[in-house]
Amino acid sequence: MIITYDKTYNGLQINTDLNKGQGCITSILDSYQIHLIYMINAHSKVMQVRFDLHYPTDGSIVPTRKHIHDFNYNLKRKLQRKKVVGGHKVDPQLLWTGETNTSYFPHYHFILLVNGNAINNYWDLLDSIVRPLWEKAIGVSNNTGLVDYCDKAGPNGLMIIRSSSPEFLIQLNRCSYQASYLAKVKTKETRGKGNWLTGGSRVPSVLTPLPASHLNLFE
């Protein structure tokens, strides 16, 4: 596992603090940047949404891998099938990490990238699609608080508009800084044997871009 404490990675800002021992795992940053580059090459507008998934604190649900597998599968399928005015495809791209703190129950951090021409309302996406699908995956209903919309400390639903130079680079840095939270190293070191550290959707092989460090975008 390679950890960086630099303030940028491939030219984009990340959330690190050497004095606090807060570093980022470079393999997760690499995966995020590959998804990001694919999306901004494929779509003129890209919306990035961050959210967290939790289990009920009363211990009524025993966590299993099937929960996160079913949620990811159903979220991608629902968004891929979503009918959008104008014929735009949502083209969802997911990246997630699982963490376990001092409690038994894991929680999951997500970054979701979608075609911003198809979806531009993060709240509706989280409230009408993400929350019900997580409740379905773990077998509960109307249990508020299990999905953190991650907007209390700042804006969510960050939009990248490819033609918005010079704001384009500012938008990229804002998204990279937000997404780097998934790569923070501290609580991932406590994961149990056999637990997945990270996962995500597969970028279409035909459209997979060059490594981020070789793109002018990040110079």
Protein backbone atom coordinates (compact mmCIF):
# COMPACT_ATOMS: atom_id res chain seq x y z
CA MET A 1 0.00 0.00 0.00
CA ILE A 2 1.51 3.33 -1.10
CA ILE A 3 0.43 6.41 0.87
CA THR A 4 0.92 10.03 -0.11
CA TYR A 5 0.87 13.04 2.20
CA ASP A 6 1.27 15.57 -0.62
CA LYS A 7 -1.37 18.24 -1.10
CA THR A 8 -1.89 17.28 -4.74
CA TYR A 9 -1.91 14.06 -6.74
CA ASN A 10 -1.30 14.18 -10.49
CA GLY A 11 -1.88 17.91 -10.25
CA LEU A 12 -5.23 17.79 -8.45
CA GLN A 13 -5.85 18.80 -4.83
CA ILE A 14 -6.39 16.07 -2.22
CA ASN A 15 -7.26 16.15 1.48
CA THR A 16 -4.11 15.26 3.46
CA ASP A 17 -2.42 16.41 6.65
CA LEU A 18 1.06 15.09 7.45
CA ASN A 19 1.01 16.48 11.00
CA LYS A 20 -2.16 14.54 11.77
CA GLY A 21 -0.95 11.41 10.00
CA GLN A 22 -3.73 11.79 7.46
CA GLY A 23 -2.55 10.36 4.16
CA CYS A 24 -4.26 9.01 1.05
CA ILE A 25 -3.87 5.59 -0.56
CA THR A 26 -2.57 6.20 -4.07
CA SER A 27 -4.27 3.17 -5.65
CA ILE A 28 -7.69 4.57 -4.66
CA LEU A 29 -6.73 8.00 -6.02
CA ASP A 30 -5.65 6.34 -9.27
CA SER A 31 -8.97 4.53 -9.57
CA TYR A 32 -10.91 7.72 -8.93
CA GLN A 33 -8.95 9.72 -11.49
CA ILE A 34 -9.45 7.06 -14.16
CA HIS A 35 -13.22 7.20 -13.59
CA LEU A 36 -13.14 11.00 -13.52
CA ILE A 37 -11.17 11.31 -16.76
CA TYR A 38 -13.41 8.83 -18.52
CA MET A 39 -16.52 10.77 -17.51
CA ILE A 40 -15.28 14.23 -18.49
CA ASN A 41 -14.11 12.85 -21.83
CA ALA A 42 -17.48 11.16 -22.41
CA HIS A 43 -19.81 13.97 -21.25
CA SER A 44 -19.81 17.76 -21.46
CA LYS A 45 -21.24 17.92 -17.94
CA VAL A 46 -20.48 15.56 -15.04
CA MET A 47 -22.06 15.61 -11.60
CA GLN A 48 -20.19 14.10 -8.65
CA VAL A 49 -22.17 12.98 -5.61
CA ARG A 50 -20.71 11.72 -2.34
CA PHE A 51 -22.71 9.70 0.18
CA ASP A 52 -22.18 7.26 3.05
CA LEU A 53 -24.10 4.08 3.87
CA HIS A 54 -24.65 2.90 7.45
CA TYR A 55 -26.34 0.06 9.32
CA PRO A 56 -28.93 0.49 12.08
CA THR A 57 -27.16 1.11 15.38
CA ASP A 58 -29.44 -1.28 17.28
CA GLY A 59 -27.68 -4.33 15.85
CA SER A 60 -30.83 -5.59 14.16
CA ILE A 61 -29.00 -6.19 10.87
CA VAL A 62 -25.90 -8.38 10.61
CA PRO A 63 -23.62 -6.96 7.88
CA THR A 64 -22.80 -9.24 4.95
CA ARG A 65 -21.03 -8.77 1.64
CA LYS A 66 -24.32 -9.46 -0.12
CA HIS A 67 -25.73 -6.16 1.13
CA ILE A 68 -23.16 -3.98 -0.62
CA HIS A 69 -23.10 -6.25 -3.69
CA ASP A 70 -26.89 -6.05 -4.11
CA PHE A 71 -26.92 -2.30 -3.54
CA ASN A 72 -24.23 -1.63 -6.14
CA TYR A 73 -25.87 -3.91 -8.70
CA ASN A 74 -29.33 -2.42 -8.26
CA LEU A 75 -28.08 1.19 -8.23
CA LYS A 76 -26.17 0.80 -11.48
CA ARG A 77 -29.05 -1.07 -13.14
CA LYS A 78 -31.66 1.49 -12.07
CA LEU A 79 -29.57 4.44 -13.27
CA GLN A 80 -28.62 2.73 -16.53
CA ARG A 81 -32.31 2.11 -17.26
CA LYS A 82 -33.47 5.57 -16.20
CA LYS A 83 -35.35 7.39 -18.96
CA VAL A 84 -34.20 10.98 -19.32
CA VAL A 85 -35.72 13.75 -21.41
CA GLY A 86 -33.50 14.39 -24.42
CA GLY A 87 -32.27 10.82 -24.62
CA HIS A 88 -29.23 11.36 -22.38
CA LYS A 89 -27.81 8.28 -20.68
CA VAL A 90 -26.96 8.58 -16.98
CA ASP A 91 -23.78 6.49 -17.43
CA PRO A 92 -23.20 5.94 -13.67
CA GLN A 93 -19.66 5.31 -12.41
CA LEU A 94 -19.18 4.16 -8.82
CA LEU A 95 -16.24 4.11 -6.45
CA TRP A 96 -16.57 3.03 -2.81
CA THR A 97 -14.53 2.11 0.24
CA GLY A 98 -15.56 0.23 3.34
CA GLU A 99 -14.40 1.11 6.84
CA THR A 100 -14.73 -0.27 10.35
CA ASN A 101 -14.03 1.95 13.33
CA THR A 102 -14.25 0.80 16.93
CA SER A 103 -17.73 -0.62 16.42
CA TYR A 104 -18.51 -3.95 14.80
CA PHE A 105 -20.50 -2.46 11.97
CA PRO A 106 -18.79 -1.29 8.80
CA HIS A 107 -19.87 1.76 6.88
CA TYR A 108 -19.27 2.67 3.27
CA HIS A 109 -18.12 5.86 1.57
CA PHE A 110 -19.25 6.37 -2.02
CA ILE A 111 -18.46 8.62 -4.93
CA LEU A 112 -20.99 8.50 -7.76
CA LEU A 113 -20.27 10.18 -11.09
CA VAL A 114 -23.16 10.68 -13.51
CA ASN A 115 -23.78 12.44 -16.80
CA GLY A 116 -24.70 15.96 -15.68
CA ASN A 117 -26.84 16.43 -18.77
CA ALA A 118 -29.06 13.59 -17.54
CA ILE A 119 -29.14 14.25 -13.76
CA ASN A 120 -28.33 17.52 -12.00
CA ASN A 121 -30.20 17.21 -8.67
CA TYR A 122 -28.14 15.34 -6.10
CA TRP A 123 -30.79 15.49 -3.37
CA ASP A 124 -33.45 13.82 -5.48
CA LEU A 125 -30.95 11.18 -6.60
CA LEU A 126 -30.04 10.33 -3.00
CA ASP A 127 -33.55 10.58 -1.58
CA SER A 128 -35.52 8.79 -4.28
CA ILE A 129 -32.98 6.23 -5.51
CA VAL A 130 -29.99 5.69 -3.21
CA ARG A 131 -31.84 5.62 0.13
CA PRO A 132 -34.62 3.20 -0.94
CA LEU A 133 -32.12 0.86 -2.60
CA TRP A 134 -29.93 0.68 0.54
CA GLU A 135 -32.99 0.03 2.70
CA LYS A 136 -34.04 -2.72 0.28
CA ALA A 137 -30.56 -4.27 0.30
CA ILE A 138 -30.45 -4.61 4.08
CA GLY A 139 -34.15 -5.34 4.55
CA VAL A 140 -35.42 -2.29 6.41
CA SER A 141 -37.95 0.40 5.51
CA ASN A 142 -38.30 4.10 6.30
CA ASN A 143 -35.22 4.10 8.51
CA THR A 144 -33.85 7.61 8.25
CA GLY A 145 -30.18 8.27 8.90
CA LEU A 146 -28.79 5.18 7.18
CA VAL A 147 -27.73 7.26 4.17
CA ASP A 148 -25.60 10.31 4.92
CA TYR A 149 -26.07 12.91 2.17
CA CYS A 150 -22.66 14.42 2.99
CA ASP A 151 -23.78 18.02 2.59
CA LYS A 152 -23.61 19.34 6.16
CA ALA A 153 -20.03 20.63 5.89
CA GLY A 154 -20.29 21.92 2.33
CA PRO A 155 -21.95 21.50 -1.05
CA ASN A 156 -22.64 18.13 -2.63
CA GLY A 157 -23.68 17.37 -6.17
CA LEU A 158 -20.56 19.07 -7.54
CA MET A 159 -20.81 19.87 -11.24
CA ILE A 160 -17.99 19.80 -13.76
CA ILE A 161 -18.64 21.65 -17.01
CA ARG A 162 -16.01 20.90 -19.61
CA SER A 163 -16.48 24.16 -21.52
CA SER A 164 -16.32 26.41 -18.46
CA SER A 165 -12.64 27.41 -18.61
CA PRO A 166 -11.07 28.73 -16.41
CA GLU A 167 -13.59 27.45 -13.83
CA PHE A 168 -13.06 23.92 -15.18
CA LEU A 169 -9.84 23.37 -13.21
CA ILE A 170 -11.43 24.80 -10.06
CA GLN A 171 -14.30 22.33 -10.48
CA LEU A 172 -11.87 19.43 -10.95
CA ASN A 173 -9.93 20.37 -7.83
CA ARG A 174 -13.11 20.68 -5.77
CA CYS A 175 -14.23 17.21 -6.88
CA SER A 176 -10.80 15.66 -6.34
CA TYR A 177 -10.57 17.10 -2.83
CA GLN A 178 -14.01 15.75 -1.95
CA ALA A 179 -13.33 12.31 -3.44
CA SER A 180 -9.96 11.92 -1.72
CA TYR A 181 -11.85 11.32 1.53
CA LEU A 182 -12.42 7.78 0.21
CA ALA A 183 -8.65 7.28 0.04
CA LYS A 184 -7.85 8.34 3.63
CA VAL A 185 -5.76 5.69 5.27
CA LYS A 186 -6.60 5.66 8.99
CA THR A 187 -9.65 3.47 9.57
CA LYS A 188 -9.03 1.20 6.58
CA GLU A 189 -6.19 -0.39 8.52
CA THR A 190 -8.73 -1.92 10.93
CA ARG A 191 -10.67 -3.87 8.32
CA GLY A 192 -11.27 -7.52 9.14
CA LYS A 193 -9.72 -10.44 7.30
CA GLY A 194 -11.39 -10.98 3.96
CA ASN A 195 -13.28 -7.67 3.95
CA TRP A 196 -13.15 -5.65 0.75
CA LEU A 197 -11.20 -2.43 1.03
CA THR A 198 -12.57 -0.79 -2.08
CA GLY A 199 -14.63 -1.44 -5.17
CA GLY A 200 -16.23 0.28 -8.09
CA SER A 201 -17.63 0.10 -11.56
CA ARG A 202 -15.50 -0.90 -14.50
CA VAL A 203 -14.62 1.84 -16.97
CA PRO A 204 -15.50 0.65 -20.52
CA SER A 205 -12.28 -0.86 -21.88
CA VAL A 206 -12.64 0.76 -25.29
CA LEU A 207 -12.79 4.20 -23.67
CA THR A 208 -10.29 3.67 -20.86
CA PRO A 209 -7.96 6.70 -20.94
CA LEU A 210 -4.22 6.86 -20.53
CA PRO A 211 -2.85 6.85 -16.97
CA ALA A 212 -3.67 10.15 -15.32
CA SER A 213 -0.03 11.17 -15.01
CA HIS A 214 0.34 11.08 -18.81
CA LEU A 215 -2.54 13.44 -19.53
CA ASN A 216 -2.06 17.14 -20.16
CA LEU A 217 -5.14 17.70 -18.04
CA PHE A 218 -3.14 17.13 -14.88
CA GLU A 219 0.08 18.95 -15.82
